[in-house]
Amino acid sequence: MLTGTVEEGRPLTPELRLECSHPLAEVLLDGVLQGHCEDFMGPGLPLSEGLHSVEVRLPGFLPFQTSVEAGHARMSLRVDLIPVR
């Protein structure tokens, strides 16, 4: 689930905060490794404005992929990885 907030009167740097079922899962932004979910649970992943692809992956689990449109907001994304069967 993706949610966003804007604080009036203050310019915001777009960022994406992650809440993941597996904090050590890798996070890729536009195909480039940025770190692990736990790195973006407090301070978010900085984004430039525009459309971005986000992938969260961990061996033994199906990868999670989505796109986000960054504007002047802080966004939060909950990621529940599903085990491979």
Protein backbone atom coordinates (compact mmCIF):
# COMPACT_ATOMS: atom_id res chain seq x y z
CA MET A 1 0.00 0.00 0.00
CA LEU A 2 1.38 3.40 -0.98
CA THR A 3 0.48 6.53 0.97
CA GLY A 4 1.76 10.10 0.69
CA THR A 5 1.79 13.29 2.72
CA VAL A 6 2.54 16.92 1.99
CA GLU A 7 3.40 19.56 4.59
CA GLU A 8 1.98 22.94 3.60
CA GLY A 9 4.31 25.91 3.57
CA ARG A 10 7.44 23.77 3.45
CA PRO A 11 9.23 22.52 0.38
CA LEU A 12 9.70 18.78 0.73
CA THR A 13 12.32 16.58 -0.80
CA PRO A 14 10.47 13.59 -2.24
CA GLU A 15 11.32 10.41 -0.38
CA LEU A 16 10.05 6.88 -0.04
CA ARG A 17 9.90 5.24 3.38
CA LEU A 18 9.67 1.47 3.39
CA GLU A 19 8.05 -0.92 5.83
CA CYS A 20 9.08 -4.44 4.88
CA SER A 21 8.28 -7.89 6.20
CA HIS A 22 12.00 -8.68 5.76
CA PRO A 23 14.27 -5.75 6.74
CA LEU A 24 17.34 -7.24 5.03
CA ALA A 25 15.69 -7.40 1.60
CA GLU A 26 17.52 -5.46 -1.10
CA VAL A 27 15.98 -2.26 -2.48
CA LEU A 28 16.55 -1.22 -6.07
CA LEU A 29 15.50 2.14 -7.49
CA ASP A 30 15.37 2.31 -11.28
CA GLY A 31 17.42 -0.91 -11.40
CA VAL A 32 20.22 0.36 -9.14
CA LEU A 33 20.84 -1.18 -5.70
CA GLN A 34 20.24 1.44 -2.99
CA GLY A 35 20.60 -0.66 0.18
CA HIS A 36 18.29 -2.75 2.33
CA CYS A 37 14.73 -2.15 3.54
CA GLU A 38 15.97 -1.41 7.06
CA ASP A 39 18.00 1.52 5.66
CA PHE A 40 14.79 3.29 4.58
CA MET A 41 12.43 2.57 7.47
CA GLY A 42 13.25 5.86 9.25
CA PRO A 43 14.81 8.31 6.86
CA GLY A 44 13.36 7.57 3.46
CA LEU A 45 14.96 6.80 0.14
CA PRO A 46 15.52 10.18 -1.59
CA LEU A 47 13.78 10.50 -4.96
CA SER A 48 14.04 12.95 -7.80
CA GLU A 49 10.72 14.10 -9.24
CA GLY A 50 9.14 11.83 -11.81
CA LEU A 51 8.30 8.18 -12.30
CA HIS A 52 10.55 5.55 -10.67
CA SER A 53 10.59 1.76 -10.57
CA VAL A 54 11.05 0.18 -7.14
CA GLU A 55 12.05 -3.44 -6.60
CA VAL A 56 12.45 -5.25 -3.27
CA ARG A 57 14.06 -8.69 -3.42
CA LEU A 58 15.40 -11.41 -1.16
CA PRO A 59 16.54 -14.93 -2.08
CA GLY A 60 13.76 -17.47 -1.48
CA PHE A 61 11.01 -14.88 -2.03
CA LEU A 62 9.18 -13.53 -5.07
CA PRO A 63 10.46 -10.05 -5.96
CA PHE A 64 8.14 -7.11 -5.30
CA GLN A 65 7.98 -4.53 -8.09
CA THR A 66 6.03 -1.31 -8.41
CA SER A 67 6.29 2.19 -9.83
CA VAL A 68 6.00 5.42 -7.87
CA GLU A 69 5.45 8.97 -9.08
CA ALA A 70 7.57 11.32 -6.97
CA GLY A 71 6.37 14.87 -6.53
CA HIS A 72 6.58 17.09 -3.47
CA ALA A 73 5.62 14.43 -0.93
CA ARG A 74 6.93 11.85 1.43
CA MET A 75 5.57 8.45 0.54
CA SER A 76 5.36 5.24 2.50
CA LEU A 77 5.26 1.76 1.02
CA ARG A 78 4.48 -1.51 2.83
CA VAL A 79 6.13 -4.55 1.27
CA ASP A 80 5.19 -8.11 2.29
CA LEU A 81 7.41 -10.56 0.42
CA ILE A 82 5.88 -13.92 -0.52
CA PRO A 83 7.98 -17.10 -0.19
CA VAL A 84 8.75 -19.06 -3.34
CA ARG A 85 7.02 -22.45 -3.26
